[in-house]
Amino acid sequence: MNLEKQLRAELARIRDQGLYRRTVPVRHEGGARIRVGERSFLNLASNDYLGLARDPDLLAAFYRQHSCARPGDLGPGSTASRLMTGNHGLYQRLEEGLAGMYGRERALVFNSGYHCNIGILPALAGRRDLILADKLCHASLIDGMRLSRARVIRYPHQDCDRLEALLREHRPRHRQVFLVTESIFSMDGDLADLDRLVRLKRQWQAVLYVDEAHAVGTRGDRGLGLAEERGVVADIDLLVGTFGKAWGGQGAWLLCAETVADYLVNTARSLIFTTALPPVTLAWLCFLLPRIPRLVRQRNHLRDLADRLRRELAGHGLTTCGKSNIMPVMVGDAARAVATAEDLRRHGYWVNAVRPPTVPAGTARLRISLTADMEWPLLAPLPGLIADALKTSR
C-alpha cells in the first residue's frame, strides 16, 4: 500500500469516529470576538484570558513607548538561536524581571510552553530516575516524558493517595523522582492540590515540576499563578509558566535554581537548537512585565464570570467541573459534541468540541474558555442553548 492510499484510509477512519479536524482562517476583533468568513462570533475558545492580545489601548501604549526605537531594536526576526547570536539583550531584562517578581534565583525563557516541556525532563531525568505524572497532564508534558530516559508512571488524575503509594514503593530504587502536574488542568479546569504535592515532595525528597500555563495571569493577588495563591512558589523546584495565554504574547519560562538553569542552557535541546524569539516579541513581554501584577480588576471580573456561568450551566442540568475560567461541558460521544458545537456556532458562539485523543475516550466535551473582555449579557443565553442543542442531538 502506498503512503497516500494508507493515509486516505486512516483519514476515513478518523472521520467515521467523529474525530476529523481542520484549520480555519480566523480574524480577531475587539471585545472577545472573532470573524470567520463573513460571520462574527463570541470567542469561547481563546487562551487570551485577560484580553491583552487585542486590547487597543494597551497596544497603542506599547507602540507609543517604542515609537522612537531603531528599526533593528524591534525586528521581526532574531537571526539565530540564543547560543549563537539570537540572545537579544531584552532576554536578560525579561528573565531578571521574572525571577525578581517571583523571588526565585533564576528564570529561563523558552520559545513556547511546548519547548519547555519537551526540553526540561529529557535534559534532567535519566535512566536511573523516575517520573510520576498526573494522568491528565498536557500532551507537551507527555511528549517530554517520552523523550526522557527515565521510567514513567502516570497516576490517576488528582489521586494523591495513589501517588504517595507509588512513592513508598518506588522511591528507594531511583536516584531522583520527578512529580509532574499542571496546576490548572487544560481540559477539565480543575486545580491541583499543590499543598499536598509540596508535602509529598518534601517527605520523599522528590523534585516537583508544576506547569502553571493556565494559571499565570489569572490566579494569585499579583497574577503569579495558583502557586502564589497557595503560597508555595518557593517550594516548587521547576515552575513553568507561559506568555502565550493570559500574557497575550509568545514564549514560556522556567523558574528554578541557578544551577538548574545553567545546566539546561547546556543540555536542553529545545532551547539550544531553535531560533530565538524575535526582539519585537521580547519587547512586548518586557512591556507587560510590570503590568500583569496590577490587573486585579480583570482577574476579579474573570472569576465572577466563571462562577456565574458555572452556576447557570448546573441550573440547566449540564455536567461541568473545575474551579477556573476553563469550563468543560461533558457530552461523552464525540460526534454529538461536534454537532452541539456546530449548533452553537449557528447562534454566534465559537465553541470547540474537544475529542479523543486530546481527552480520554468517552469524555468528549465542549470546552468553554472565558476571558476578561467578556460581559455577562453576552453569555447569558449560552446555558439554555447548550441544553437545547444536546436534547436535539440525542
Protein backbone atom coordinates (compact mmCIF):
# COMPACT_ATOMS: atom_id res chain seq x y z
CA MET A 1 0.00 0.00 0.00
CA ASN A 2 1.48 3.37 -0.98
CA LEU A 3 1.62 6.18 1.58
CA GLU A 4 -1.23 8.32 0.22
CA LYS A 5 -3.59 5.33 -0.02
CA GLN A 6 -2.72 4.36 3.55
CA LEU A 7 -3.31 7.90 4.82
CA ARG A 8 -6.64 8.24 2.98
CA ALA A 9 -7.83 5.10 4.75
CA GLU A 10 -6.66 6.46 8.10
CA LEU A 11 -8.43 9.79 7.46
CA ALA A 12 -11.63 7.96 6.57
CA ARG A 13 -11.42 6.11 9.88
CA ILE A 14 -10.87 9.40 11.74
CA ARG A 15 -13.94 10.93 10.02
CA ASP A 16 -16.09 7.89 10.85
CA GLN A 17 -15.18 8.30 14.53
CA GLY A 18 -16.13 11.99 14.52
CA LEU A 19 -12.51 12.97 15.22
CA TYR A 20 -11.61 14.79 11.97
CA ARG A 21 -10.01 18.22 12.44
CA ARG A 22 -9.16 21.07 10.09
CA THR A 23 -7.70 24.54 10.35
CA VAL A 24 -9.98 27.55 9.87
CA PRO A 25 -8.77 31.08 8.96
CA VAL A 26 -9.76 33.47 11.78
CA ARG A 27 -9.59 37.25 12.15
CA HIS A 28 -9.58 38.60 15.70
CA GLU A 29 -11.74 41.58 16.53
CA GLY A 30 -12.20 43.54 19.74
CA GLY A 31 -14.38 42.56 22.67
CA ALA A 32 -13.60 38.83 22.62
CA ARG A 33 -14.97 38.46 19.12
CA ILE A 34 -13.58 36.73 16.06
CA ARG A 35 -14.61 36.77 12.42
CA VAL A 36 -14.69 33.55 10.41
CA GLY A 37 -15.65 34.16 6.82
CA GLU A 38 -18.43 36.72 6.85
CA ARG A 39 -19.69 35.94 10.37
CA SER A 40 -18.73 37.34 13.76
CA PHE A 41 -18.68 35.09 16.85
CA LEU A 42 -18.15 35.45 20.58
CA ASN A 43 -14.86 33.62 21.02
CA LEU A 44 -15.23 30.93 23.71
CA ALA A 45 -12.12 29.03 22.63
CA SER A 46 -9.43 31.59 23.39
CA ASN A 47 -6.48 31.35 25.77
CA ASP A 48 -6.15 35.15 25.88
CA TYR A 49 -7.61 35.02 29.38
CA LEU A 50 -7.06 38.68 30.33
CA GLY A 51 -7.93 40.02 26.89
CA LEU A 52 -4.49 41.61 26.45
CA ALA A 53 -3.54 40.37 22.99
CA ARG A 54 -6.15 42.54 21.25
CA ASP A 55 -6.52 45.36 23.80
CA PRO A 56 -6.37 48.52 21.61
CA ASP A 57 -5.35 50.85 24.44
CA LEU A 58 -2.58 48.52 25.59
CA LEU A 59 -1.29 48.02 22.06
CA ALA A 60 -1.34 51.78 21.42
CA ALA A 61 0.66 52.38 24.61
CA PHE A 62 3.20 49.74 23.56
CA TYR A 63 3.73 51.27 20.13
CA ARG A 64 3.95 54.78 21.58
CA GLN A 65 6.60 53.63 24.04
CA HIS A 66 8.68 52.22 21.19
CA SER A 67 7.93 54.86 18.56
CA CYS A 68 11.49 56.18 18.72
CA ALA A 69 13.19 52.80 18.68
CA ARG A 70 15.64 51.99 15.93
CA PRO A 71 14.09 49.54 13.40
CA GLY A 72 16.59 46.83 14.36
CA ASP A 73 15.61 47.05 18.03
CA LEU A 74 12.10 45.75 17.30
CA GLY A 75 12.85 43.43 14.41
CA PRO A 76 10.60 40.50 13.48
CA GLY A 77 13.50 38.06 13.32
CA SER A 78 16.17 37.13 15.88
CA THR A 79 18.62 35.78 13.24
CA ALA A 80 19.83 32.76 15.24
CA SER A 81 19.44 30.58 18.32
CA ARG A 82 20.12 32.01 21.76
CA LEU A 83 23.52 30.35 21.96
CA MET A 84 24.55 31.78 18.59
CA THR A 85 23.63 35.46 18.02
CA GLY A 86 19.89 35.48 18.82
CA ASN A 87 20.16 36.28 22.52
CA HIS A 88 18.90 39.88 22.35
CA GLY A 89 19.60 41.99 25.44
CA LEU A 90 15.87 42.03 26.21
CA TYR A 91 16.14 38.37 27.21
CA GLN A 92 18.23 39.36 30.22
CA ARG A 93 15.81 42.11 31.18
CA LEU A 94 12.85 39.74 30.92
CA GLU A 95 14.46 36.86 32.80
CA GLU A 96 15.77 39.06 35.61
CA GLY A 97 12.34 40.70 35.89
CA LEU A 98 10.55 37.36 36.14
CA ALA A 99 12.98 35.99 38.72
CA GLY A 100 12.61 39.14 40.81
CA MET A 101 8.83 39.14 40.55
CA TYR A 102 8.63 35.55 41.79
CA GLY A 103 11.51 35.81 44.25
CA ARG A 104 13.40 32.96 42.58
CA GLU A 105 17.07 32.54 41.75
CA ARG A 106 16.65 32.25 38.01
CA ALA A 107 14.18 32.40 35.15
CA LEU A 108 14.92 30.82 31.78
CA VAL A 109 12.82 31.79 28.75
CA PHE A 110 11.91 29.23 26.07
CA ASN A 111 10.09 29.77 22.77
CA SER A 112 6.83 28.18 24.00
CA GLY A 113 5.35 26.03 26.70
CA TYR A 114 5.79 23.09 24.38
CA HIS A 115 9.51 23.88 24.08
CA CYS A 116 9.74 23.97 27.89
CA ASN A 117 8.01 20.69 28.42
CA ILE A 118 9.80 18.70 25.72
CA GLY A 119 13.16 20.11 26.79
CA ILE A 120 13.32 20.11 30.59
CA LEU A 121 12.56 16.49 31.52
CA PRO A 122 14.71 14.91 28.78
CA ALA A 123 17.62 17.05 29.99
CA LEU A 124 17.17 16.38 33.71
CA ALA A 125 15.70 12.87 34.01
CA GLY A 126 18.00 9.96 33.21
CA ARG A 127 17.85 6.15 33.22
CA ARG A 128 18.18 5.91 36.99
CA ASP A 129 15.29 8.32 37.59
CA LEU A 130 11.50 8.01 37.87
CA ILE A 131 8.77 10.37 36.68
CA LEU A 132 5.39 10.20 38.46
CA ALA A 133 2.89 12.27 36.50
CA ASP A 134 -0.81 13.04 36.74
CA LYS A 135 -2.59 11.05 34.06
CA LEU A 136 -4.23 14.15 32.59
CA CYS A 137 -1.04 16.16 32.12
CA HIS A 138 -0.84 18.15 28.89
CA ALA A 139 0.40 16.47 25.70
CA SER A 140 3.61 18.51 25.78
CA LEU A 141 4.48 17.07 29.20
CA ILE A 142 3.69 13.57 27.97
CA ASP A 143 5.99 14.10 24.99
CA GLY A 144 8.73 15.36 27.30
CA MET A 145 8.39 12.22 29.41
CA ARG A 146 8.60 10.04 26.31
CA LEU A 147 11.78 11.79 25.21
CA SER A 148 13.40 11.34 28.61
CA ARG A 149 15.25 8.16 29.50
CA ALA A 150 13.52 7.87 32.86
CA ARG A 151 10.89 5.36 33.87
CA VAL A 152 7.42 6.95 33.71
CA ILE A 153 4.33 6.06 35.77
CA ARG A 154 1.16 8.11 35.32
CA TYR A 155 -1.05 8.05 38.41
CA PRO A 156 -4.87 8.50 38.32
CA HIS A 157 -5.93 12.13 37.95
CA GLN A 158 -5.60 14.08 41.21
CA ASP A 159 -5.17 10.87 43.22
CA CYS A 160 -2.52 11.92 45.74
CA ASP A 161 -3.12 8.80 47.82
CA ARG A 162 -2.08 6.66 44.85
CA LEU A 163 0.87 8.97 44.24
CA GLU A 164 2.00 8.51 47.83
CA ALA A 165 1.73 4.74 47.47
CA LEU A 166 3.86 4.86 44.33
CA LEU A 167 6.47 6.95 46.13
CA ARG A 168 6.56 4.48 49.00
CA GLU A 169 7.01 1.59 46.57
CA HIS A 170 9.49 3.07 44.10
CA ARG A 171 11.39 5.96 45.69
CA PRO A 172 14.20 3.89 47.30
CA ARG A 173 15.22 2.40 43.93
CA HIS A 174 15.69 5.64 41.99
CA ARG A 175 18.25 8.42 42.04
CA GLN A 176 15.68 11.20 41.51
CA VAL A 177 11.90 11.17 41.39
CA PHE A 178 10.08 13.93 39.50
CA LEU A 179 6.46 14.72 40.46
CA VAL A 180 4.82 16.27 37.40
CA THR A 181 1.47 18.08 37.25
CA GLU A 182 -0.38 21.00 35.80
CA SER A 183 -1.74 23.49 38.32
CA ILE A 184 -4.95 24.17 36.38
CA PHE A 185 -5.69 21.30 34.03
CA SER A 186 -6.25 22.45 30.49
CA MET A 187 -9.25 20.28 29.62
CA ASP A 188 -11.01 19.92 33.00
CA GLY A 189 -10.29 23.33 34.51
CA ASP A 190 -9.75 21.79 37.95
CA LEU A 191 -6.98 22.68 40.40
CA ALA A 192 -4.08 20.53 41.55
CA ASP A 193 -3.63 20.03 45.29
CA LEU A 194 -0.33 21.91 45.39
CA ASP A 195 -0.18 21.90 49.19
CA ARG A 196 -0.21 18.11 49.37
CA LEU A 197 2.17 17.76 46.43
CA VAL A 198 4.64 20.00 48.26
CA ARG A 199 4.31 17.85 51.38
CA LEU A 200 4.92 14.67 49.37
CA LYS A 201 7.88 16.24 47.64
CA ARG A 202 9.46 17.10 50.97
CA GLN A 203 8.67 13.78 52.60
CA TRP A 204 10.14 11.72 49.76
CA GLN A 205 12.89 14.11 48.64
CA ALA A 206 11.40 14.42 45.18
CA VAL A 207 11.61 17.16 42.54
CA LEU A 208 8.28 18.98 41.99
CA TYR A 209 7.53 20.12 38.42
CA VAL A 210 4.39 22.27 38.01
CA ASP A 211 3.11 23.65 34.71
CA GLU A 212 1.20 26.87 35.50
CA ALA A 213 0.28 27.61 31.87
CA HIS A 214 -3.42 28.19 32.61
CA ALA A 215 -2.92 29.88 35.99
CA VAL A 216 -0.35 32.61 35.39
CA GLY A 217 -2.06 35.95 34.96
CA THR A 218 -5.43 34.70 36.21
CA ARG A 219 -4.68 33.45 39.74
CA GLY A 220 -2.99 34.95 42.77
CA ASP A 221 -3.08 38.52 44.06
CA ARG A 222 -0.39 39.54 41.57
CA GLY A 223 -1.31 37.11 38.83
CA LEU A 224 1.63 34.83 39.54
CA GLY A 225 -0.49 31.69 39.39
CA LEU A 226 -2.00 29.07 41.64
CA ALA A 227 1.36 28.64 43.38
CA GLU A 228 1.16 32.26 44.55
CA GLU A 229 -2.46 31.80 45.59
CA ARG A 230 -1.47 28.79 47.70
CA GLY A 231 1.74 30.36 49.00
CA VAL A 232 4.05 27.66 47.61
CA VAL A 233 6.05 29.46 44.91
CA ALA A 234 9.33 28.86 46.76
CA ASP A 235 8.54 25.16 47.21
CA ILE A 236 8.22 24.24 43.53
CA ASP A 237 11.55 23.16 42.08
CA LEU A 238 10.60 23.52 38.41
CA LEU A 239 7.81 26.06 37.85
CA VAL A 240 6.77 26.57 34.24
CA GLY A 241 4.65 29.47 33.02
CA THR A 242 3.64 30.68 29.59
CA PHE A 243 3.36 34.05 27.87
CA GLY A 244 1.04 32.57 25.25
CA LYS A 245 -2.16 32.62 27.28
CA ALA A 246 -3.07 35.28 29.88
CA TRP A 247 0.01 37.33 28.96
CA GLY A 248 -1.22 37.69 25.38
CA GLY A 249 2.22 37.04 23.90
CA GLN A 250 4.50 34.24 22.84
CA GLY A 251 7.02 32.11 24.71
CA ALA A 252 7.30 30.49 28.14
CA TRP A 253 9.60 30.38 31.12
CA LEU A 254 11.02 28.14 33.79
CA LEU A 255 11.68 29.33 37.35
CA CYS A 256 14.35 27.28 39.04
CA ALA A 257 17.69 27.28 40.86
CA GLU A 258 20.73 28.88 39.23
CA THR A 259 22.46 25.53 38.78
CA VAL A 260 19.43 24.02 37.05
CA ALA A 261 19.18 26.93 34.60
CA ASP A 262 22.89 26.75 33.76
CA TYR A 263 22.60 23.02 33.18
CA LEU A 264 19.59 23.42 30.88
CA VAL A 265 21.35 26.08 28.80
CA ASN A 266 23.93 23.41 28.10
CA THR A 267 21.64 20.40 27.66
CA ALA A 268 18.00 21.30 26.81
CA ARG A 269 17.76 20.59 23.10
CA SER A 270 14.55 22.57 22.60
CA LEU A 271 16.40 25.69 23.80
CA ILE A 272 19.76 25.05 22.15
CA PHE A 273 18.59 24.06 18.68
CA THR A 274 15.81 26.54 17.91
CA THR A 275 15.81 30.10 16.65
CA ALA A 276 15.39 32.65 19.45
CA LEU A 277 12.29 34.78 19.96
CA PRO A 278 12.30 37.98 17.88
CA PRO A 279 13.08 41.33 19.55
CA VAL A 280 9.55 42.68 18.98
CA THR A 281 8.12 39.75 20.97
CA LEU A 282 10.59 40.25 23.81
CA ALA A 283 9.82 43.98 23.89
CA TRP A 284 6.09 43.25 24.26
CA LEU A 285 6.75 40.84 27.13
CA CYS A 286 9.01 43.35 28.91
CA PHE A 287 6.28 45.96 28.43
CA LEU A 288 3.74 43.67 30.12
CA LEU A 289 6.03 42.54 32.93
CA PRO A 290 5.22 45.37 35.39
CA ARG A 291 1.58 45.49 34.32
CA ILE A 292 0.50 41.88 34.95
CA PRO A 293 0.51 42.23 38.78
CA ARG A 294 -1.72 45.31 38.56
CA LEU A 295 -4.56 43.68 36.57
CA VAL A 296 -6.62 42.88 39.68
CA ARG A 297 -9.89 44.14 38.19
CA GLN A 298 -9.58 41.81 35.20
CA ARG A 299 -8.80 38.82 37.40
CA ASN A 300 -11.79 39.52 39.66
CA HIS A 301 -14.11 40.02 36.69
CA LEU A 302 -12.95 36.76 35.13
CA ARG A 303 -13.54 34.89 38.39
CA ASP A 304 -17.05 36.35 38.75
CA LEU A 305 -17.96 35.47 35.15
CA ALA A 306 -16.78 31.89 35.63
CA ASP A 307 -18.65 31.44 38.92
CA ARG A 308 -21.87 32.74 37.44
CA LEU A 309 -21.68 30.69 34.25
CA ARG A 310 -20.87 27.52 36.17
CA ARG A 311 -23.98 28.05 38.34
CA GLU A 312 -26.16 28.67 35.28
CA LEU A 313 -24.87 25.58 33.47
CA ALA A 314 -25.64 23.44 36.52
CA GLY A 315 -29.07 25.04 36.74
CA HIS A 316 -29.81 23.75 33.23
CA GLY A 317 -28.84 20.22 34.22
CA LEU A 318 -25.50 20.31 32.42
CA THR A 319 -22.49 18.49 33.81
CA THR A 320 -19.40 20.60 34.28
CA CYS A 321 -16.44 20.65 36.63
CA GLY A 322 -13.41 22.65 37.69
CA LYS A 323 -12.87 25.89 39.59
CA SER A 324 -11.35 28.13 36.95
CA ASN A 325 -12.30 30.10 33.85
CA ILE A 326 -11.92 26.86 31.83
CA MET A 327 -15.27 25.10 31.82
CA PRO A 328 -15.89 21.72 30.20
CA VAL A 329 -19.48 20.77 29.46
CA MET A 330 -19.40 16.97 29.37
CA VAL A 331 -21.08 15.28 26.40
CA GLY A 332 -19.43 11.86 26.10
CA ASP A 333 -19.90 10.94 22.45
CA ALA A 334 -17.50 12.73 20.08
CA ALA A 335 -19.94 13.11 17.17
CA ARG A 336 -22.60 14.52 19.48
CA ALA A 337 -20.13 17.02 20.91
CA VAL A 338 -19.22 18.17 17.38
CA ALA A 339 -22.88 18.54 16.42
CA THR A 340 -23.59 20.59 19.55
CA ALA A 341 -20.63 22.89 18.88
CA GLU A 342 -21.84 23.43 15.31
CA ASP A 343 -25.31 24.33 16.60
CA LEU A 344 -23.81 26.89 18.99
CA ARG A 345 -21.87 28.46 16.13
CA ARG A 346 -25.12 28.94 14.25
CA HIS A 347 -26.14 31.10 17.23
CA GLY A 348 -22.92 33.11 17.15
CA TYR A 349 -20.85 31.29 19.81
CA TRP A 350 -17.47 29.91 18.77
CA VAL A 351 -17.16 26.79 20.93
CA ASN A 352 -14.85 23.88 20.22
CA ALA A 353 -15.68 20.23 20.75
CA VAL A 354 -12.73 18.50 22.43
CA ARG A 355 -12.44 14.85 21.47
CA PRO A 356 -10.05 11.93 21.84
CA PRO A 357 -7.08 11.70 21.74
CA THR A 358 -6.98 15.11 23.45
CA VAL A 359 -9.24 13.71 26.18
CA PRO A 360 -9.91 10.08 27.15
CA ALA A 361 -12.36 8.05 25.07
CA GLY A 362 -15.98 8.58 26.12
CA THR A 363 -15.30 12.02 27.64
CA ALA A 364 -15.80 14.31 24.62
CA ARG A 365 -16.89 17.75 25.73
CA LEU A 366 -17.47 21.36 24.89
CA ARG A 367 -14.57 23.39 26.22
CA ILE A 368 -15.68 26.88 27.22
CA SER A 369 -12.87 29.32 27.89
CA LEU A 370 -13.83 32.69 29.37
CA THR A 371 -11.79 35.88 29.00
CA ALA A 372 -11.83 39.12 30.96
CA ASP A 373 -13.02 41.20 27.99
CA MET A 374 -16.44 39.49 28.02
CA GLU A 375 -19.59 40.75 29.74
CA TRP A 376 -22.35 38.62 31.24
CA PRO A 377 -25.24 39.67 28.91
CA LEU A 378 -23.37 38.05 26.01
CA LEU A 379 -23.03 34.80 27.94
CA ALA A 380 -26.49 34.66 29.50
CA PRO A 381 -28.21 32.72 26.63
CA LEU A 382 -25.43 30.13 26.41
CA PRO A 383 -26.55 27.54 29.03
CA GLY A 384 -30.03 27.30 27.56
CA LEU A 385 -28.68 27.00 24.02
CA ILE A 386 -26.34 24.17 25.05
CA ALA A 387 -29.11 22.31 26.87
CA ASP A 388 -31.44 22.60 23.85
CA ALA A 389 -28.73 21.53 21.40
CA LEU A 390 -27.91 18.44 23.45
CA LYS A 391 -31.57 17.45 23.60
CA THR A 392 -31.96 17.63 19.82
CA SER A 393 -28.70 15.75 19.13
CA ARG A 394 -29.72 12.59 21.03
